Amino acid sequence: MKKTGYAVALVAALGATACTDMTPRQQGTLSGGAIGAAAGAGIASIAGGSAWTGAAVGAAVGGTAGYIKGNRQQ
């Protein structure tokens, strides 16, 4: 359990520093895709469907919306 906590902390730290050199369009696409995947998986699980399918659809929709939002910021 202790190793898992360290791994999660390391991934979170690397993920936070990885976004510093990204353009607003890239940041919007990445964050939109991540939020969409989480929301899609959650909604699909609650509705009784496949969480993987929900995550894939949510990531695609969220990534597209994030790309559009980031494109407008540039």
PDB file of N, CA and C in Angstrom:
ATOM      1  N   MET A   1       0.823  -1.192   0.000  1.00  0.00           N
ATOM      2  CA  MET A   1       0.000   0.000   0.000  1.00  0.00           C
ATOM      3  C   MET A   1       0.868   1.257   0.000  1.00  0.00           C
ATOM      4  N   LYS A   2       2.001   1.184   0.694  1.00  0.00           N
ATOM      5  CA  LYS A   2       2.878   2.337   0.774  1.00  0.00           C
ATOM      6  C   LYS A   2       3.490   2.665  -0.590  1.00  0.00           C
ATOM      7  N   LYS A   3       3.854   1.630  -1.349  1.00  0.00           N
ATOM      8  CA  LYS A   3       4.428   1.850  -2.675  1.00  0.00           C
ATOM      9  C   LYS A   3       3.408   2.447  -3.625  1.00  0.00           C
ATOM     10  N   THR A   4       2.160   2.054  -3.487  1.00  0.00           N
ATOM     11  CA  THR A   4       1.109   2.597  -4.347  1.00  0.00           C
ATOM     12  C   THR A   4       0.931   4.087  -4.099  1.00  0.00           C
ATOM     13  N   GLY A   5       0.981   4.500  -2.850  1.00  0.00           N
ATOM     14  CA  GLY A   5       0.867   5.921  -2.515  1.00  0.00           C
ATOM     15  C   GLY A   5       1.992   6.742  -3.120  1.00  0.00           C
ATOM     16  N   TYR A   6       3.206   6.198  -3.075  1.00  0.00           N
ATOM     17  CA  TYR A   6       4.332   6.897  -3.680  1.00  0.00           C
ATOM     18  C   TYR A   6       4.187   6.986  -5.192  1.00  0.00           C
ATOM     19  N   ALA A   7       3.711   5.926  -5.792  1.00  0.00           N
ATOM     20  CA  ALA A   7       3.529   5.922  -7.244  1.00  0.00           C
ATOM     21  C   ALA A   7       2.482   6.942  -7.663  1.00  0.00           C
ATOM     22  N   VAL A   8       1.390   7.015  -6.931  1.00  0.00           N
ATOM     23  CA  VAL A   8       0.335   7.981  -7.251  1.00  0.00           C
ATOM     24  C   VAL A   8       0.864   9.405  -7.088  1.00  0.00           C
ATOM     25  N   ALA A   9       1.605   9.661  -6.035  1.00  0.00           N
ATOM     26  CA  ALA A   9       2.169  10.994  -5.816  1.00  0.00           C
ATOM     27  C   ALA A   9       3.149  11.369  -6.918  1.00  0.00           C
ATOM     28  N   LEU A  10       3.951  10.420  -7.362  1.00  0.00           N
ATOM     29  CA  LEU A  10       4.911  10.681  -8.428  1.00  0.00           C
ATOM     30  C   LEU A  10       4.207  10.990  -9.738  1.00  0.00           C
ATOM     31  N   VAL A  11       3.206  10.221 -10.071  1.00  0.00           N
ATOM     32  CA  VAL A  11       2.460  10.457 -11.309  1.00  0.00           C
ATOM     33  C   VAL A  11       1.753  11.807 -11.263  1.00  0.00           C
ATOM     34  N   ALA A  12       1.183  12.157 -10.124  1.00  0.00           N
ATOM     35  CA  ALA A  12       0.520  13.453  -9.992  1.00  0.00           C
ATOM     36  C   ALA A  12       1.502  14.603 -10.141  1.00  0.00           C
ATOM     37  N   ALA A  13       2.681  14.457  -9.553  1.00  0.00           N
ATOM     38  CA  ALA A  13       3.688  15.511  -9.663  1.00  0.00           C
ATOM     39  C   ALA A  13       4.181  15.650 -11.097  1.00  0.00           C
ATOM     40  N   LEU A  14       4.416  14.543 -11.758  1.00  0.00           N
ATOM     41  CA  LEU A  14       4.854  14.597 -13.155  1.00  0.00           C
ATOM     42  C   LEU A  14       3.764  15.161 -14.052  1.00  0.00           C
ATOM     43  N   GLY A  15       2.532  14.796 -13.772  1.00  0.00           N
ATOM     44  CA  GLY A  15       1.421  15.315 -14.562  1.00  0.00           C
ATOM     45  C   GLY A  15       1.256  16.809 -14.413  1.00  0.00           C
ATOM     46  N   ALA A  16       1.496  17.323 -13.222  1.00  0.00           N
ATOM     47  CA  ALA A  16       1.360  18.760 -12.990  1.00  0.00           C
ATOM     48  C   ALA A  16       2.469  19.539 -13.689  1.00  0.00           C
ATOM     49  N   THR A  17       3.668  19.007 -13.735  1.00  0.00           N
ATOM     50  CA  THR A  17       4.765  19.722 -14.381  1.00  0.00           C
ATOM     51  C   THR A  17       4.758  19.544 -15.896  1.00  0.00           C
ATOM     52  N   ALA A  18       4.085  18.544 -16.387  1.00  0.00           N
ATOM     53  CA  ALA A  18       4.084  18.295 -17.827  1.00  0.00           C
ATOM     54  C   ALA A  18       3.289  19.335 -18.591  1.00  0.00           C
ATOM     55  N   CYS A  19       2.377  20.011 -17.954  1.00  0.00           N
ATOM     56  CA  CYS A  19       1.508  20.966 -18.638  1.00  0.00           C
ATOM     57  C   CYS A  19       2.113  22.358 -18.757  1.00  0.00           C
ATOM     58  N   THR A  20       3.280  22.603 -18.192  1.00  0.00           N
ATOM     59  CA  THR A  20       3.823  23.959 -18.184  1.00  0.00           C
ATOM     60  C   THR A  20       4.283  24.414 -19.559  1.00  0.00           C
ATOM     61  N   ASP A  21       4.714  23.512 -20.415  1.00  0.00           N
ATOM     62  CA  ASP A  21       5.201  23.901 -21.734  1.00  0.00           C
ATOM     63  C   ASP A  21       4.158  23.716 -22.828  1.00  0.00           C
ATOM     64  N   MET A  22       2.922  23.517 -22.449  1.00  0.00           N
ATOM     65  CA  MET A  22       1.877  23.265 -23.438  1.00  0.00           C
ATOM     66  C   MET A  22       1.166  24.560 -23.815  1.00  0.00           C
ATOM     67  N   THR A  23       0.677  24.612 -25.040  1.00  0.00           N
ATOM     68  CA  THR A  23      -0.120  25.754 -25.481  1.00  0.00           C
ATOM     69  C   THR A  23      -1.514  25.642 -24.857  1.00  0.00           C
ATOM     70  N   PRO A  24      -2.275  26.741 -24.830  1.00  0.00           N
ATOM     71  CA  PRO A  24      -3.638  26.655 -24.302  1.00  0.00           C
ATOM     72  C   PRO A  24      -4.497  25.621 -25.035  1.00  0.00           C
ATOM     73  N   ARG A  25      -4.284  25.461 -26.329  1.00  0.00           N
ATOM     74  CA  ARG A  25      -5.040  24.468 -27.093  1.00  0.00           C
ATOM     75  C   ARG A  25      -4.724  23.052 -26.615  1.00  0.00           C
ATOM     76  N   GLN A  26      -3.444  22.773 -26.397  1.00  0.00           N
ATOM     77  CA  GLN A  26      -3.040  21.449 -25.925  1.00  0.00           C
ATOM     78  C   GLN A  26      -3.532  21.194 -24.501  1.00  0.00           C
ATOM     79  N   GLN A  27      -3.450  22.209 -23.643  1.00  0.00           N
ATOM     80  CA  GLN A  27      -3.925  22.053 -22.273  1.00  0.00           C
ATOM     81  C   GLN A  27      -5.431  21.816 -22.247  1.00  0.00           C
ATOM     82  N   GLY A  28      -6.169  22.549 -23.077  1.00  0.00           N
ATOM     83  CA  GLY A  28      -7.614  22.376 -23.135  1.00  0.00           C
ATOM     84  C   GLY A  28      -8.001  21.000 -23.627  1.00  0.00           C
ATOM     85  N   THR A  29      -7.294  20.514 -24.645  1.00  0.00           N
ATOM     86  CA  THR A  29      -7.586  19.189 -25.181  1.00  0.00           C
ATOM     87  C   THR A  29      -7.304  18.106 -24.151  1.00  0.00           C
ATOM     88  N   LEU A  30      -6.172  18.203 -23.479  1.00  0.00           N
ATOM     89  CA  LEU A  30      -5.796  17.199 -22.484  1.00  0.00           C
ATOM     90  C   LEU A  30      -6.743  17.205 -21.289  1.00  0.00           C
ATOM     91  N   SER A  31      -6.994  18.378 -20.743  1.00  0.00           N
ATOM     92  CA  SER A  31      -7.868  18.440 -19.568  1.00  0.00           C
ATOM     93  C   SER A  31      -9.305  18.098 -19.928  1.00  0.00           C
ATOM     94  N   GLY A  32      -9.765  18.523 -21.084  1.00  0.00           N
ATOM     95  CA  GLY A  32     -11.122  18.176 -21.519  1.00  0.00           C
ATOM     96  C   GLY A  32     -11.282  16.680 -21.726  1.00  0.00           C
ATOM     97  N   GLY A  33     -10.276  16.063 -22.302  1.00  0.00           N
ATOM     98  CA  GLY A  33     -10.324  14.616 -22.494  1.00  0.00           C
ATOM     99  C   GLY A  33     -10.319  13.855 -21.179  1.00  0.00           C
ATOM    100  N   ALA A  34      -9.517  14.313 -20.230  1.00  0.00           N
ATOM    101  CA  ALA A  34      -9.454  13.640 -18.923  1.00  0.00           C
ATOM    102  C   ALA A  34     -10.757  13.796 -18.153  1.00  0.00           C
ATOM    103  N   ILE A  35     -11.290  15.007 -18.146  1.00  0.00           N
ATOM    104  CA  ILE A  35     -12.551  15.241 -17.445  1.00  0.00           C
ATOM    105  C   ILE A  35     -13.685  14.480 -18.128  1.00  0.00           C
ATOM    106  N   GLY A  36     -13.685  14.484 -19.451  1.00  0.00           N
ATOM    107  CA  GLY A  36     -14.718  13.755 -20.192  1.00  0.00           C
ATOM    108  C   GLY A  36     -14.650  12.257 -19.962  1.00  0.00           C
ATOM    109  N   ALA A  37     -13.451  11.708 -19.897  1.00  0.00           N
ATOM    110  CA  ALA A  37     -13.301  10.270 -19.650  1.00  0.00           C
ATOM    111  C   ALA A  37     -13.820   9.897 -18.273  1.00  0.00           C
ATOM    112  N   ALA A  38     -13.484  10.701 -17.278  1.00  0.00           N
ATOM    113  CA  ALA A  38     -13.966  10.420 -15.928  1.00  0.00           C
ATOM    114  C   ALA A  38     -15.487  10.535 -15.846  1.00  0.00           C
ATOM    115  N   ALA A  39     -16.026  11.583 -16.441  1.00  0.00           N
ATOM    116  CA  ALA A  39     -17.479  11.769 -16.412  1.00  0.00           C
ATOM    117  C   ALA A  39     -18.189  10.671 -17.196  1.00  0.00           C
ATOM    118  N   GLY A  40     -17.662  10.327 -18.349  1.00  0.00           N
ATOM    119  CA  GLY A  40     -18.282   9.277 -19.162  1.00  0.00           C
ATOM    120  C   GLY A  40     -18.273   7.931 -18.474  1.00  0.00           C
ATOM    121  N   ALA A  41     -17.163   7.598 -17.823  1.00  0.00           N
ATOM    122  CA  ALA A  41     -17.089   6.326 -17.101  1.00  0.00           C
ATOM    123  C   ALA A  41     -18.059   6.312 -15.930  1.00  0.00           C
ATOM    124  N   GLY A  42     -18.152   7.420 -15.223  1.00  0.00           N
ATOM    125  CA  GLY A  42     -19.068   7.499 -14.094  1.00  0.00           C
ATOM    126  C   GLY A  42     -20.520   7.394 -14.510  1.00  0.00           C
ATOM    127  N   ILE A  43     -20.882   8.117 -15.543  1.00  0.00           N
ATOM    128  CA  ILE A  43     -22.264   8.088 -16.019  1.00  0.00           C
ATOM    129  C   ILE A  43     -22.621   6.710 -16.552  1.00  0.00           C
ATOM    130  N   ALA A  44     -21.712   6.100 -17.303  1.00  0.00           N
ATOM    131  CA  ALA A  44     -21.986   4.767 -17.849  1.00  0.00           C
ATOM    132  C   ALA A  44     -22.127   3.736 -16.737  1.00  0.00           C
ATOM    133  N   SER A  45     -21.307   3.852 -15.707  1.00  0.00           N
ATOM    134  CA  SER A  45     -21.400   2.909 -14.582  1.00  0.00           C
ATOM    135  C   SER A  45     -22.723   3.057 -13.849  1.00  0.00           C
ATOM    136  N   ILE A  46     -23.147   4.279 -13.624  1.00  0.00           N
ATOM    137  CA  ILE A  46     -24.413   4.525 -12.942  1.00  0.00           C
ATOM    138  C   ILE A  46     -25.582   4.030 -13.783  1.00  0.00           C
ATOM    139  N   ALA A  47     -25.488   4.222 -15.095  1.00  0.00           N
ATOM    140  CA  ALA A  47     -26.571   3.826 -15.992  1.00  0.00           C
ATOM    141  C   ALA A  47     -26.588   2.324 -16.271  1.00  0.00           C
ATOM    142  N   GLY A  48     -25.547   1.604 -15.841  1.00  0.00           N
ATOM    143  CA  GLY A  48     -25.506   0.164 -16.034  1.00  0.00           C
ATOM    144  C   GLY A  48     -24.811  -0.272 -17.309  1.00  0.00           C
ATOM    145  N   GLY A  49     -24.117   0.654 -17.967  1.00  0.00           N
ATOM    146  CA  GLY A  49     -23.401   0.315 -19.194  1.00  0.00           C
ATOM    147  C   GLY A  49     -21.941   0.007 -18.925  1.00  0.00           C
ATOM    148  N   SER A  50     -21.177  -0.070 -19.992  1.00  0.00           N
ATOM    149  CA  SER A  50     -19.752  -0.352 -19.899  1.00  0.00           C
ATOM    150  C   SER A  50     -18.995   0.920 -19.544  1.00  0.00           C
ATOM    151  N   ALA A  51     -18.234   0.886 -18.469  1.00  0.00           N
ATOM    152  CA  ALA A  51     -17.457   2.050 -18.052  1.00  0.00           C
ATOM    153  C   ALA A  51     -16.383   2.387 -19.082  1.00  0.00           C
ATOM    154  N   TRP A  52     -15.812   1.371 -19.723  1.00  0.00           N
ATOM    155  CA  TRP A  52     -14.773   1.613 -20.732  1.00  0.00           C
ATOM    156  C   TRP A  52     -15.337   2.347 -21.944  1.00  0.00           C
ATOM    157  N   THR A  53     -16.524   1.945 -22.378  1.00  0.00           N
ATOM    158  CA  THR A  53     -17.154   2.624 -23.512  1.00  0.00           C
ATOM    159  C   THR A  53     -17.506   4.051 -23.136  1.00  0.00           C
ATOM    160  N   GLY A  54     -18.046   4.228 -21.947  1.00  0.00           N
ATOM    161  CA  GLY A  54     -18.372   5.577 -21.479  1.00  0.00           C
ATOM    162  C   GLY A  54     -17.144   6.457 -21.392  1.00  0.00           C
ATOM    163  N   ALA A  55     -16.029   5.891 -20.932  1.00  0.00           N
ATOM    164  CA  ALA A  55     -14.788   6.659 -20.831  1.00  0.00           C
ATOM    165  C   ALA A  55     -14.279   7.045 -22.218  1.00  0.00           C
ATOM    166  N   ALA A  56     -14.370   6.134 -23.166  1.00  0.00           N
ATOM    167  CA  ALA A  56     -13.899   6.430 -24.527  1.00  0.00           C
ATOM    168  C   ALA A  56     -14.734   7.526 -25.178  1.00  0.00           C
ATOM    169  N   VAL A  57     -16.039   7.406 -25.053  1.00  0.00           N
ATOM    170  CA  VAL A  57     -16.927   8.414 -25.644  1.00  0.00           C
ATOM    171  C   VAL A  57     -16.740   9.756 -24.921  1.00  0.00           C
ATOM    172  N   GLY A  58     -16.666   9.717 -23.595  1.00  0.00           N
ATOM    173  CA  GLY A  58     -16.468  10.943 -22.827  1.00  0.00           C
ATOM    174  C   GLY A  58     -15.149  11.618 -23.148  1.00  0.00           C
ATOM    175  N   ALA A  59     -14.096  10.835 -23.337  1.00  0.00           N
ATOM    176  CA  ALA A  59     -12.789  11.401 -23.679  1.00  0.00           C
ATOM    177  C   ALA A  59     -12.827  12.067 -25.045  1.00  0.00           C
ATOM    178  N   ALA A  60     -13.504  11.449 -25.996  1.00  0.00           N
ATOM    179  CA  ALA A  60     -13.595  12.031 -27.330  1.00  0.00           C
ATOM    180  C   ALA A  60     -14.377  13.345 -27.304  1.00  0.00           C
ATOM    181  N   VAL A  61     -15.506  13.340 -26.637  1.00  0.00           N
ATOM    182  CA  VAL A  61     -16.336  14.551 -26.570  1.00  0.00           C
ATOM    183  C   VAL A  61     -15.629  15.635 -25.750  1.00  0.00           C
ATOM    184  N   GLY A  62     -15.066  15.265 -24.602  1.00  0.00           N
ATOM    185  CA  GLY A  62     -14.371  16.235 -23.762  1.00  0.00           C
ATOM    186  C   GLY A  62     -13.124  16.787 -24.427  1.00  0.00           C
ATOM    187  N   GLY A  63     -12.379  15.935 -25.118  1.00  0.00           N
ATOM    188  CA  GLY A  63     -11.188  16.398 -25.830  1.00  0.00           C
ATOM    189  C   GLY A  63     -11.525  17.376 -26.940  1.00  0.00           C
ATOM    190  N   THR A  64     -12.608  17.103 -27.654  1.00  0.00           N
ATOM    191  CA  THR A  64     -13.048  18.016 -28.715  1.00  0.00           C
ATOM    192  C   THR A  64     -13.474  19.351 -28.135  1.00  0.00           C
ATOM    193  N   ALA A  65     -14.259  19.312 -27.062  1.00  0.00           N
ATOM    194  CA  ALA A  65     -14.698  20.557 -26.428  1.00  0.00           C
ATOM    195  C   ALA A  65     -13.507  21.331 -25.859  1.00  0.00           C
ATOM    196  N   GLY A  66     -12.562  20.629 -25.258  1.00  0.00           N
ATOM    197  CA  GLY A  66     -11.366  21.286 -24.731  1.00  0.00           C
ATOM    198  C   GLY A  66     -10.508  21.882 -25.829  1.00  0.00           C
ATOM    199  N   TYR A  67     -10.434  21.215 -26.970  1.00  0.00           N
ATOM    200  CA  TYR A  67      -9.679  21.744 -28.105  1.00  0.00           C
ATOM    201  C   TYR A  67     -10.295  23.055 -28.597  1.00  0.00           C
ATOM    202  N   ILE A  68     -11.604  23.068 -28.710  1.00  0.00           N
ATOM    203  CA  ILE A  68     -12.299  24.262 -29.172  1.00  0.00           C
ATOM    204  C   ILE A  68     -12.092  25.415 -28.192  1.00  0.00           C
ATOM    205  N   LYS A  69     -12.236  25.122 -26.904  1.00  0.00           N
ATOM    206  CA  LYS A  69     -12.055  26.157 -25.876  1.00  0.00           C
ATOM    207  C   LYS A  69     -10.610  26.684 -25.879  1.00  0.00           C
ATOM    208  N   GLY A  70      -9.645  25.771 -25.937  1.00  0.00           N
ATOM    209  CA  GLY A  70      -8.252  26.183 -25.970  1.00  0.00           C
ATOM    210  C   GLY A  70      -7.894  26.949 -27.231  1.00  0.00           C
ATOM    211  N   ASN A  71      -8.510  26.598 -28.340  1.00  0.00           N
ATOM    212  CA  ASN A  71      -8.269  27.286 -29.600  1.00  0.00           C
ATOM    213  C   ASN A  71      -8.762  28.722 -29.530  1.00  0.00           C
ATOM    214  N   ARG A  72      -9.869  28.927 -28.840  1.00  0.00           N
ATOM    215  CA  ARG A  72     -10.406  30.291 -28.696  1.00  0.00           C
ATOM    216  C   ARG A  72      -9.552  31.147 -27.770  1.00  0.00           C
ATOM    217  N   GLN A  73      -8.843  30.510 -26.822  1.00  0.00           N
ATOM    218  CA  GLN A  73      -7.989  31.250 -25.906  1.00  0.00           C
ATOM    219  C   GLN A  73      -6.701  31.710 -26.585  1.00  0.00           C
ATOM    220  N   GLN A  74      -6.283  31.015 -27.614  1.00  0.00           N
ATOM    221  CA  GLN A  74      -5.049  31.403 -28.293  1.00  0.00           C
ATOM    222  C   GLN A  74      -5.319  32.517 -29.194  1.00  0.00           C
TER     223      GLN A  74
END
